[in-house]
């Protein structure tokens, strides 16, 4: 495998995780919209107007839920594939940097801060880890 192919495998997890995060936000937005449409409980007769407004919201909510489930399965597969690559690295610093960046979805400065390194060292560890992965493949 080339460095670019390895990066693509690692980035796939990061991308899907971000997409799922966005979908979860969308699900919450749709739930909030549904709660605004639902009439409060009362003994007054209920007419069909709110039901008509609810149908597309509920349909969208169901669609988002199904898509989240599908992407979650892909996320698990991507994580397992990335972990197999990362766990083969000999240097625990390299493993920590890659897991912090790709799995925790931190930026490079946050990775450096979390692991108590400077940003330059973290980027160097990342590069060395990729080179080791190329040699192992």
N, C-alpha and C. Protein backbone atom coordinates (compact mmCIF):
# COMPACT_ATOMS: atom_id res chain seq x y z
N UNK A 1 0.84 -1.19 0.00
CA UNK A 1 0.00 0.00 0.00
C UNK A 1 0.88 1.25 0.00
N UNK A 2 0.38 2.28 -0.63
CA UNK A 2 1.10 3.54 -0.63
C UNK A 2 0.66 4.39 0.58
N UNK A 3 1.39 5.46 0.83
CA UNK A 3 1.00 6.37 1.91
C UNK A 3 -0.40 6.93 1.66
N UNK A 4 -0.68 7.28 0.42
CA UNK A 4 -2.00 7.84 0.10
C UNK A 4 -3.12 6.82 0.34
N UNK A 5 -2.88 5.56 0.03
CA UNK A 5 -3.89 4.53 0.28
C UNK A 5 -4.11 4.32 1.78
N UNK A 6 -3.03 4.36 2.53
CA UNK A 6 -3.14 4.22 3.99
C UNK A 6 -3.90 5.41 4.58
N UNK A 7 -3.53 6.62 4.15
CA UNK A 7 -4.24 7.81 4.63
C UNK A 7 -5.72 7.73 4.31
N UNK A 8 -6.04 7.25 3.12
CA UNK A 8 -7.45 7.14 2.72
C UNK A 8 -8.21 6.20 3.65
N UNK A 9 -7.60 5.08 4.02
CA UNK A 9 -8.25 4.14 4.93
C UNK A 9 -8.46 4.78 6.30
N UNK A 10 -7.47 5.52 6.78
CA UNK A 10 -7.58 6.16 8.08
C UNK A 10 -8.59 7.32 8.05
N UNK A 11 -8.57 8.08 6.98
CA UNK A 11 -9.48 9.23 6.86
C UNK A 11 -10.93 8.80 6.69
N UNK A 12 -11.13 7.61 6.15
CA UNK A 12 -12.49 7.11 5.94
C UNK A 12 -13.27 7.08 7.25
N UNK A 13 -12.64 6.58 8.32
CA UNK A 13 -13.30 6.55 9.62
C UNK A 13 -13.65 7.98 10.06
N UNK A 14 -12.68 8.86 9.98
CA UNK A 14 -12.86 10.24 10.41
C UNK A 14 -14.02 10.91 9.64
N UNK A 15 -14.08 10.67 8.33
CA UNK A 15 -15.12 11.25 7.49
C UNK A 15 -16.50 10.72 7.88
N UNK A 16 -16.62 9.40 8.00
CA UNK A 16 -17.92 8.81 8.33
C UNK A 16 -18.38 9.26 9.71
N UNK A 17 -17.45 9.34 10.67
CA UNK A 17 -17.82 9.79 12.02
C UNK A 17 -18.36 11.23 11.97
N UNK A 18 -17.74 12.08 11.18
CA UNK A 18 -18.23 13.45 11.03
C UNK A 18 -19.60 13.49 10.39
N UNK A 19 -19.80 12.66 9.39
CA UNK A 19 -21.09 12.59 8.72
C UNK A 19 -22.18 12.13 9.68
N UNK A 20 -21.88 11.12 10.49
CA UNK A 20 -22.86 10.64 11.47
C UNK A 20 -23.18 11.73 12.48
N UNK A 21 -22.18 12.47 12.90
CA UNK A 21 -22.41 13.58 13.84
C UNK A 21 -23.39 14.60 13.23
N UNK A 22 -23.20 14.91 11.96
CA UNK A 22 -24.11 15.82 11.28
C UNK A 22 -25.52 15.24 11.18
N UNK A 23 -25.60 13.94 10.91
CA UNK A 23 -26.91 13.29 10.83
C UNK A 23 -27.63 13.28 12.18
N UNK A 24 -26.88 13.10 13.25
CA UNK A 24 -27.49 13.15 14.58
C UNK A 24 -28.04 14.54 14.88
N UNK A 25 -27.33 15.58 14.44
CA UNK A 25 -27.83 16.94 14.58
C UNK A 25 -29.12 17.13 13.79
N UNK A 26 -29.14 16.59 12.58
CA UNK A 26 -30.34 16.68 11.73
C UNK A 26 -31.51 15.94 12.37
N UNK A 27 -31.23 14.78 12.96
CA UNK A 27 -32.29 14.04 13.65
C UNK A 27 -32.88 14.86 14.78
N UNK A 28 -32.03 15.51 15.56
CA UNK A 28 -32.53 16.35 16.66
C UNK A 28 -33.35 17.53 16.14
N UNK A 29 -32.91 18.11 15.02
CA UNK A 29 -33.67 19.22 14.42
C UNK A 29 -35.06 18.75 14.01
N UNK A 30 -35.13 17.57 13.40
CA UNK A 30 -36.43 17.03 12.98
C UNK A 30 -37.31 16.68 14.17
N UNK A 31 -36.71 16.15 15.22
CA UNK A 31 -37.50 15.85 16.43
C UNK A 31 -38.07 17.12 17.05
N UNK A 32 -37.26 18.16 17.08
CA UNK A 32 -37.73 19.43 17.62
C UNK A 32 -38.88 19.98 16.78
N UNK A 33 -38.75 19.86 15.48
CA UNK A 33 -39.81 20.31 14.58
C UNK A 33 -41.08 19.51 14.82
N UNK A 34 -40.95 18.20 15.00
CA UNK A 34 -42.11 17.35 15.26
C UNK A 34 -42.79 17.74 16.57
N UNK A 35 -42.01 18.07 17.58
CA UNK A 35 -42.58 18.45 18.88
C UNK A 35 -43.35 19.76 18.77
N UNK A 36 -42.92 20.64 17.90
CA UNK A 36 -43.64 21.92 17.72
C UNK A 36 -44.96 21.72 16.99
N UNK A 37 -45.03 20.71 16.14
CA UNK A 37 -46.24 20.46 15.35
C UNK A 37 -47.29 19.73 16.16
N UNK A 38 -46.87 18.85 17.06
CA UNK A 38 -47.82 18.05 17.84
C UNK A 38 -48.65 18.97 18.73
N UNK A 39 -49.96 18.88 18.65
CA UNK A 39 -50.80 19.74 19.49
C UNK A 39 -50.71 19.31 20.95
N UNK A 40 -50.86 20.27 21.83
CA UNK A 40 -50.86 19.92 23.25
C UNK A 40 -52.13 19.14 23.56
N UNK A 41 -52.03 18.30 24.58
CA UNK A 41 -53.18 17.47 24.94
C UNK A 41 -54.30 18.32 25.51
N UNK A 42 -55.47 18.11 24.99
CA UNK A 42 -56.65 18.79 25.51
C UNK A 42 -57.86 17.94 25.16
N UNK A 43 -58.99 18.34 25.68
CA UNK A 43 -60.21 17.61 25.38
C UNK A 43 -60.93 18.20 24.18
N UNK A 44 -60.36 19.22 23.59
CA UNK A 44 -60.96 19.83 22.41
C UNK A 44 -60.80 18.88 21.22
N UNK A 45 -61.75 18.92 20.31
CA UNK A 45 -61.64 18.05 19.14
C UNK A 45 -60.38 18.38 18.33
N UNK A 46 -59.76 17.35 17.81
CA UNK A 46 -58.54 17.53 17.01
C UNK A 46 -58.90 17.35 15.55
N UNK A 47 -58.45 18.29 14.74
CA UNK A 47 -58.70 18.21 13.30
C UNK A 47 -57.44 17.71 12.61
N UNK A 48 -57.53 17.33 11.36
CA UNK A 48 -56.43 16.70 10.64
C UNK A 48 -55.31 17.60 10.18
N UNK A 49 -55.34 18.90 10.44
CA UNK A 49 -54.32 19.81 9.91
C UNK A 49 -52.92 19.46 10.40
N UNK A 50 -52.77 19.19 11.69
CA UNK A 50 -51.45 18.87 12.21
C UNK A 50 -50.95 17.52 11.73
N UNK A 51 -51.87 16.60 11.51
CA UNK A 51 -51.49 15.29 11.00
C UNK A 51 -50.85 15.44 9.63
N UNK A 52 -51.42 16.31 8.79
CA UNK A 52 -50.87 16.54 7.46
C UNK A 52 -49.46 17.12 7.54
N UNK A 53 -49.19 17.97 8.52
CA UNK A 53 -47.87 18.57 8.67
C UNK A 53 -46.87 17.54 9.24
N UNK A 54 -47.36 16.61 10.04
CA UNK A 54 -46.49 15.65 10.70
C UNK A 54 -45.95 14.58 9.75
N UNK A 55 -46.73 14.18 8.77
CA UNK A 55 -46.35 13.06 7.91
C UNK A 55 -44.97 13.25 7.26
N UNK A 56 -44.71 14.40 6.60
CA UNK A 56 -43.38 14.54 5.99
C UNK A 56 -42.25 14.61 7.01
N UNK A 57 -42.53 15.19 8.17
CA UNK A 57 -41.49 15.28 9.20
C UNK A 57 -41.15 13.89 9.72
N UNK A 58 -42.17 13.09 9.96
CA UNK A 58 -41.95 11.73 10.46
C UNK A 58 -41.24 10.90 9.38
N UNK A 59 -41.64 11.06 8.13
CA UNK A 59 -40.99 10.32 7.04
C UNK A 59 -39.50 10.69 6.96
N UNK A 60 -39.19 11.96 7.08
CA UNK A 60 -37.79 12.40 7.06
C UNK A 60 -37.03 11.86 8.26
N UNK A 61 -37.66 11.86 9.41
CA UNK A 61 -37.03 11.35 10.62
C UNK A 61 -36.70 9.86 10.48
N UNK A 62 -37.63 9.11 9.93
CA UNK A 62 -37.40 7.67 9.72
C UNK A 62 -36.26 7.47 8.72
N UNK A 63 -36.24 8.27 7.67
CA UNK A 63 -35.18 8.15 6.66
C UNK A 63 -33.81 8.47 7.26
N UNK A 64 -33.73 9.50 8.09
CA UNK A 64 -32.47 9.86 8.74
C UNK A 64 -32.04 8.75 9.68
N UNK A 65 -32.97 8.19 10.44
CA UNK A 65 -32.65 7.09 11.36
C UNK A 65 -32.08 5.88 10.61
N UNK A 66 -32.68 5.55 9.49
CA UNK A 66 -32.20 4.41 8.70
C UNK A 66 -30.80 4.69 8.15
N UNK A 67 -30.59 5.91 7.70
CA UNK A 67 -29.28 6.25 7.13
C UNK A 67 -28.20 6.26 8.23
N UNK A 68 -28.56 6.73 9.42
CA UNK A 68 -27.61 6.71 10.54
C UNK A 68 -27.22 5.26 10.84
N UNK A 69 -28.20 4.37 10.85
CA UNK A 69 -27.92 2.95 11.12
C UNK A 69 -26.99 2.37 10.06
N UNK A 70 -27.25 2.68 8.79
CA UNK A 70 -26.41 2.18 7.70
C UNK A 70 -24.98 2.70 7.83
N UNK A 71 -24.84 4.00 8.06
CA UNK A 71 -23.51 4.61 8.16
C UNK A 71 -22.78 4.14 9.42
N UNK A 72 -23.52 3.83 10.48
CA UNK A 72 -22.90 3.33 11.70
C UNK A 72 -22.24 1.97 11.47
N UNK A 73 -22.86 1.15 10.66
CA UNK A 73 -22.26 -0.15 10.32
C UNK A 73 -20.98 0.06 9.51
N UNK A 74 -21.01 1.01 8.58
CA UNK A 74 -19.83 1.33 7.79
C UNK A 74 -18.73 1.91 8.68
N UNK A 75 -19.14 2.71 9.66
CA UNK A 75 -18.19 3.30 10.60
C UNK A 75 -17.46 2.22 11.39
N UNK A 76 -18.19 1.23 11.85
CA UNK A 76 -17.59 0.14 12.60
C UNK A 76 -16.57 -0.62 11.75
N UNK A 77 -16.94 -0.90 10.50
CA UNK A 77 -16.00 -1.59 9.60
C UNK A 77 -14.75 -0.74 9.35
N UNK A 78 -14.95 0.55 9.13
CA UNK A 78 -13.82 1.45 8.88
C UNK A 78 -12.92 1.53 10.11
N UNK A 79 -13.51 1.56 11.29
CA UNK A 79 -12.71 1.63 12.51
C UNK A 79 -11.89 0.36 12.70
N UNK A 80 -12.52 -0.78 12.48
CA UNK A 80 -11.80 -2.04 12.65
C UNK A 80 -10.63 -2.13 11.67
N UNK A 81 -10.85 -1.69 10.45
CA UNK A 81 -9.79 -1.70 9.44
C UNK A 81 -8.65 -0.76 9.84
N UNK A 82 -8.99 0.43 10.30
CA UNK A 82 -7.98 1.41 10.72
C UNK A 82 -7.24 0.92 11.96
N UNK A 83 -7.96 0.33 12.91
CA UNK A 83 -7.31 -0.18 14.12
C UNK A 83 -6.32 -1.30 13.80
N UNK A 84 -6.65 -2.13 12.83
CA UNK A 84 -5.72 -3.20 12.44
C UNK A 84 -4.41 -2.61 11.94
N UNK A 85 -4.50 -1.53 11.18
CA UNK A 85 -3.29 -0.87 10.69
C UNK A 85 -2.50 -0.23 11.84
N UNK A 86 -3.22 0.51 12.67
CA UNK A 86 -2.58 1.28 13.74
C UNK A 86 -1.98 0.36 14.80
N UNK A 87 -2.68 -0.68 15.17
CA UNK A 87 -2.22 -1.56 16.25
C UNK A 87 -0.96 -2.34 15.89
N UNK A 88 -0.62 -2.39 14.63
CA UNK A 88 0.60 -3.08 14.21
C UNK A 88 1.85 -2.21 14.36
N UNK A 89 1.66 -0.92 14.63
CA UNK A 89 2.80 -0.02 14.77
C UNK A 89 3.60 -0.37 16.02
N UNK A 90 4.92 -0.26 15.91
CA UNK A 90 5.79 -0.65 17.02
C UNK A 90 5.90 0.43 18.09
N UNK A 91 5.72 1.69 17.74
CA UNK A 91 5.91 2.80 18.67
C UNK A 91 4.56 3.26 19.23
N UNK A 92 4.41 3.18 20.53
CA UNK A 92 3.12 3.55 21.15
C UNK A 92 2.80 5.03 20.95
N UNK A 93 3.81 5.89 20.81
CA UNK A 93 3.56 7.31 20.55
C UNK A 93 2.87 7.48 19.19
N UNK A 94 3.31 6.72 18.23
CA UNK A 94 2.71 6.78 16.90
C UNK A 94 1.26 6.31 16.94
N UNK A 95 1.03 5.22 17.67
CA UNK A 95 -0.34 4.70 17.80
C UNK A 95 -1.23 5.74 18.48
N UNK A 96 -0.72 6.36 19.54
CA UNK A 96 -1.51 7.36 20.28
C UNK A 96 -1.86 8.56 19.40
N UNK A 97 -0.90 9.01 18.62
CA UNK A 97 -1.15 10.16 17.74
C UNK A 97 -2.22 9.82 16.70
N UNK A 98 -2.07 8.67 16.06
CA UNK A 98 -3.03 8.29 15.03
C UNK A 98 -4.43 8.09 15.60
N UNK A 99 -4.53 7.43 16.74
CA UNK A 99 -5.84 7.22 17.34
C UNK A 99 -6.48 8.53 17.79
N UNK A 100 -5.66 9.42 18.33
CA UNK A 100 -6.20 10.71 18.78
C UNK A 100 -6.69 11.54 17.60
N UNK A 101 -5.95 11.51 16.51
CA UNK A 101 -6.34 12.32 15.35
C UNK A 101 -7.51 11.69 14.59
N UNK A 102 -7.39 10.43 14.26
CA UNK A 102 -8.40 9.80 13.41
C UNK A 102 -9.65 9.35 14.16
N UNK A 103 -9.50 8.83 15.37
CA UNK A 103 -10.65 8.31 16.09
C UNK A 103 -11.33 9.37 16.96
N UNK A 104 -10.55 10.25 17.56
CA UNK A 104 -11.15 11.30 18.40
C UNK A 104 -11.49 12.55 17.60
N UNK A 105 -11.06 12.56 16.33
CA UNK A 105 -11.36 13.65 15.40
C UNK A 105 -10.87 15.00 15.92
N UNK A 106 -9.71 14.99 16.55
CA UNK A 106 -9.10 16.23 17.02
C UNK A 106 -8.29 16.84 15.88
N UNK A 107 -8.04 18.16 15.98
CA UNK A 107 -7.10 18.77 15.05
C UNK A 107 -5.70 18.52 15.58
N UNK A 108 -4.68 18.84 14.78
CA UNK A 108 -3.31 18.51 15.17
C UNK A 108 -2.88 19.20 16.45
N UNK A 109 -3.27 20.43 16.65
CA UNK A 109 -2.89 21.13 17.88
C UNK A 109 -3.53 20.48 19.10
N UNK A 110 -4.78 20.09 18.98
CA UNK A 110 -5.46 19.42 20.10
C UNK A 110 -4.84 18.05 20.39
N UNK A 111 -4.39 17.35 19.35
CA UNK A 111 -3.69 16.08 19.55
C UNK A 111 -2.41 16.34 20.34
N UNK A 112 -1.67 17.35 19.91
CA UNK A 112 -0.42 17.69 20.60
C UNK A 112 -0.67 18.03 22.06
N UNK A 113 -1.68 18.85 22.32
CA UNK A 113 -2.00 19.24 23.69
C UNK A 113 -2.42 18.03 24.53
N UNK A 114 -3.27 17.18 23.96
CA UNK A 114 -3.77 16.02 24.71
C UNK A 114 -2.66 15.04 25.06
N UNK A 115 -1.68 14.93 24.17
CA UNK A 115 -0.60 13.95 24.38
C UNK A 115 0.66 14.58 24.97
N UNK A 116 0.60 15.88 25.21
CA UNK A 116 1.72 16.63 25.82
C UNK A 116 2.97 16.63 24.95
N UNK A 117 2.75 16.83 23.64
CA UNK A 117 3.85 17.02 22.70
C UNK A 117 3.62 18.36 22.02
N UNK A 118 4.63 18.82 21.28
CA UNK A 118 4.38 20.00 20.46
C UNK A 118 3.82 19.53 19.12
N UNK A 119 3.20 20.45 18.41
CA UNK A 119 2.52 20.11 17.16
C UNK A 119 3.50 19.51 16.15
N UNK A 120 4.69 20.06 16.08
CA UNK A 120 5.70 19.59 15.13
C UNK A 120 6.05 18.11 15.39
N UNK A 121 6.19 17.73 16.66
CA UNK A 121 6.49 16.33 16.99
C UNK A 121 5.35 15.41 16.59
N UNK A 122 4.14 15.87 16.84
CA UNK A 122 2.96 15.07 16.49
C UNK A 122 2.92 14.83 14.98
N UNK A 123 3.17 15.86 14.20
CA UNK A 123 3.18 15.70 12.75
C UNK A 123 4.31 14.77 12.28
N UNK A 124 5.44 14.86 12.94
CA UNK A 124 6.55 13.97 12.63
C UNK A 124 6.19 12.53 12.97
N UNK A 125 5.60 12.29 14.15
CA UNK A 125 5.17 10.94 14.54
C UNK A 125 4.19 10.38 13.50
N UNK A 126 3.28 11.22 13.06
CA UNK A 126 2.29 10.81 12.06
C UNK A 126 2.99 10.35 10.79
N UNK A 127 3.93 11.13 10.33
CA UNK A 127 4.68 10.78 9.12
C UNK A 127 5.46 9.49 9.27
N UNK A 128 6.12 9.33 10.39
CA UNK A 128 6.89 8.11 10.65
C UNK A 128 5.96 6.89 10.71
N UNK A 129 4.79 7.08 11.34
CA UNK A 129 3.83 5.98 11.44
C UNK A 129 3.37 5.55 10.04
N UNK A 130 3.09 6.51 9.18
CA UNK A 130 2.67 6.18 7.82
C UNK A 130 3.77 5.42 7.07
N UNK A 131 5.01 5.87 7.23
CA UNK A 131 6.13 5.17 6.58
C UNK A 131 6.26 3.74 7.08
N UNK A 132 6.09 3.54 8.39
CA UNK A 132 6.16 2.18 8.94
C UNK A 132 5.04 1.32 8.38
N UNK A 133 3.85 1.91 8.23
CA UNK A 133 2.72 1.15 7.67
C UNK A 133 3.00 0.73 6.23
N UNK A 134 3.63 1.60 5.46
CA UNK A 134 3.98 1.26 4.08
C UNK A 134 4.94 0.07 4.07
N UNK A 135 5.91 0.09 4.96
CA UNK A 135 6.90 -1.00 5.02
C UNK A 135 6.23 -2.32 5.42
N UNK A 136 5.21 -2.24 6.26
CA UNK A 136 4.52 -3.46 6.73
C UNK A 136 3.59 -4.04 5.67
N UNK A 137 3.18 -3.22 4.74
CA UNK A 137 2.18 -3.73 3.75
C UNK A 137 2.82 -4.45 2.60
